[in-house]
Amino acid sequence: TSGDVIKVLGRRQFGVVSGDEILILLCSILRPKRAVFCMHQVAGVLKRRPKNESDEGQEYLIERIRSDQSDEKILNLFKQGSDSGVDVTGGILLKVRAAVCAARNGTQVVFVNGTKSDRITDACVCTDPCIGTIVE
């Protein structure tokens, strides 16, 4: 999902809700077994950014994130060595936080390369292992 502008109650006329927040909301209502984040040209959550932009970074891939770990320990998995700042949408930091929140409520979340249709299919039909990051 992408974020969107929404009407809010109160003094402000509008607000922005991110796609990551939408994921948390949908998972809390629908209670799916699995949700999938399709990343742009990267294999999943990476420890660090690949040196070559055409490289999807499989050698830096974090294959599993356990949601029973502390937030600090989870974030330290990939924050060290990351040279990518947080963008206006929250970047990978907000996505990982959303995935951990969903996982703590029973939904497994998988990050895959969204430009590889076979990986999306594998993640959606619960093929394990799939190439990507599984948050559980």
Protein backbone atom coordinates (compact mmCIF):
# COMPACT_ATOMS: atom_id res chain seq x y z
CA THR A 1 0.00 0.00 0.00
CA SER A 2 0.96 3.61 -0.31
CA GLY A 3 0.21 6.31 2.17
CA ASP A 4 -2.54 8.82 1.67
CA VAL A 5 -3.95 12.11 2.91
CA ILE A 6 -6.96 11.68 5.19
CA LYS A 7 -9.46 13.97 6.85
CA VAL A 8 -8.94 14.11 10.62
CA LEU A 9 -11.04 15.34 13.50
CA GLY A 10 -9.89 18.28 15.54
CA ARG A 11 -7.94 21.42 14.74
CA ARG A 12 -6.11 20.02 11.74
CA GLN A 13 -7.95 19.70 8.43
CA PHE A 14 -6.00 16.68 7.21
CA GLY A 15 -3.27 14.20 8.09
CA VAL A 16 -1.10 11.64 6.36
CA VAL A 17 -1.38 7.93 7.06
CA SER A 18 1.47 5.77 5.81
CA GLY A 19 1.09 2.43 4.06
CA ASP A 20 2.95 0.92 7.00
CA GLU A 21 0.27 2.16 9.41
CA ILE A 22 -2.38 0.80 7.04
CA LEU A 23 -0.67 -2.62 7.25
CA ILE A 24 -0.94 -2.60 11.06
CA LEU A 25 -4.60 -1.58 10.91
CA LEU A 26 -5.55 -4.18 8.29
CA CYS A 27 -3.70 -6.95 10.14
CA SER A 28 -5.45 -6.07 13.40
CA ILE A 29 -8.88 -6.22 11.71
CA LEU A 30 -8.45 -9.07 9.22
CA ARG A 31 -5.99 -11.23 11.21
CA PRO A 32 -4.21 -12.76 8.16
CA LYS A 33 -1.61 -15.48 8.66
CA ARG A 34 0.88 -13.59 6.50
CA ALA A 35 1.39 -10.12 5.03
CA VAL A 36 3.92 -9.26 2.33
CA PHE A 37 5.97 -6.07 1.83
CA CYS A 38 7.17 -5.79 -1.77
CA MET A 39 10.44 -3.88 -1.69
CA HIS A 40 11.87 -1.99 -4.65
CA GLN A 41 14.85 -3.88 -6.10
CA VAL A 42 16.18 -5.22 -2.78
CA ALA A 43 15.89 -8.77 -1.46
CA GLY A 44 14.32 -7.78 1.88
CA VAL A 45 15.56 -6.01 5.01
CA LEU A 46 19.28 -5.51 4.60
CA LYS A 47 22.06 -5.04 7.15
CA ARG A 48 23.49 -2.40 4.85
CA ARG A 49 22.93 -0.89 1.45
CA PRO A 50 24.62 -2.70 -1.47
CA LYS A 51 27.54 -0.87 -3.07
CA ASN A 52 26.14 -1.38 -6.56
CA GLU A 53 22.59 -0.08 -7.17
CA SER A 54 21.84 -2.97 -9.54
CA ASP A 55 22.65 -5.46 -6.76
CA GLU A 56 19.63 -6.52 -4.68
CA GLY A 57 21.89 -7.11 -1.67
CA GLN A 58 21.31 -10.80 -0.92
CA GLU A 59 24.67 -10.97 0.85
CA TYR A 60 23.40 -8.35 3.34
CA LEU A 61 19.96 -9.92 3.76
CA ILE A 62 18.57 -10.40 7.25
CA GLU A 63 16.63 -13.64 6.76
CA ARG A 64 14.64 -13.64 10.02
CA ILE A 65 13.62 -11.10 12.61
CA ARG A 66 12.08 -12.42 15.80
CA SER A 67 9.39 -10.14 17.18
CA ASP A 68 9.98 -11.42 20.73
CA GLN A 69 13.31 -9.55 20.80
CA SER A 70 13.54 -6.03 22.22
CA ASP A 71 12.89 -3.16 19.81
CA GLU A 72 16.47 -1.96 20.32
CA LYS A 73 17.95 -5.35 19.42
CA ILE A 74 15.77 -5.60 16.30
CA LEU A 75 16.70 -2.13 15.07
CA ASN A 76 20.40 -2.76 15.69
CA LEU A 77 20.24 -5.66 13.21
CA PHE A 78 20.16 -3.27 10.29
CA LYS A 79 20.85 0.25 11.56
CA GLN A 80 24.58 -0.35 11.92
CA GLY A 81 26.24 0.24 8.59
CA SER A 82 23.12 1.69 7.02
CA ASP A 83 23.87 4.84 5.11
CA SER A 84 20.28 5.44 4.07
CA GLY A 85 18.53 8.17 5.98
CA VAL A 86 14.90 8.08 6.97
CA ASP A 87 12.73 9.59 4.28
CA VAL A 88 9.45 11.43 4.77
CA THR A 89 7.53 8.12 4.87
CA GLY A 90 9.69 6.68 7.65
CA GLY A 91 11.77 4.48 5.35
CA ILE A 92 12.72 0.94 6.31
CA LEU A 93 12.62 1.83 10.01
CA LEU A 94 8.84 2.37 9.97
CA LYS A 95 8.31 -0.73 7.83
CA VAL A 96 10.23 -2.92 10.27
CA ARG A 97 8.36 -1.42 13.23
CA ALA A 98 5.04 -2.09 11.48
CA ALA A 99 6.08 -5.67 10.66
CA VAL A 100 7.15 -6.33 14.25
CA CYS A 101 3.86 -4.92 15.54
CA ALA A 102 1.87 -7.15 13.17
CA ALA A 103 4.00 -10.18 14.08
CA ARG A 104 3.49 -9.59 17.79
CA ASN A 105 -0.24 -9.77 17.06
CA GLY A 106 0.00 -13.06 15.15
CA THR A 107 0.66 -12.08 11.51
CA GLN A 108 3.91 -13.24 9.94
CA VAL A 109 5.32 -10.50 7.68
CA VAL A 110 7.64 -11.15 4.74
CA PHE A 111 9.76 -8.57 2.92
CA VAL A 112 10.61 -9.61 -0.66
CA ASN A 113 11.96 -8.05 -3.82
CA GLY A 114 8.79 -6.72 -5.46
CA THR A 115 10.40 -6.72 -8.90
CA LYS A 116 10.71 -10.54 -8.81
CA SER A 117 7.24 -12.01 -9.37
CA ASP A 118 8.27 -15.52 -8.31
CA ARG A 119 9.30 -14.20 -4.88
CA ILE A 120 5.98 -12.43 -4.43
CA THR A 121 4.18 -15.66 -5.34
CA ASP A 122 6.35 -17.72 -2.97
CA ALA A 123 5.69 -15.29 -0.13
CA CYS A 124 1.94 -15.20 -0.77
CA VAL A 125 1.48 -18.96 -0.88
CA CYS A 126 3.57 -19.38 2.26
CA THR A 127 6.43 -21.20 0.59
CA ASP A 128 9.13 -21.45 3.21
CA PRO A 129 11.92 -20.69 2.87
CA CYS A 130 11.53 -17.84 0.44
CA ILE A 131 14.19 -15.31 -0.50
CA GLY A 132 13.46 -12.36 1.72
CA THR A 133 13.13 -11.35 5.35
CA ILE A 134 10.57 -13.12 7.54
CA VAL A 135 9.33 -11.31 10.65
CA GLU A 136 7.65 -13.62 13.13
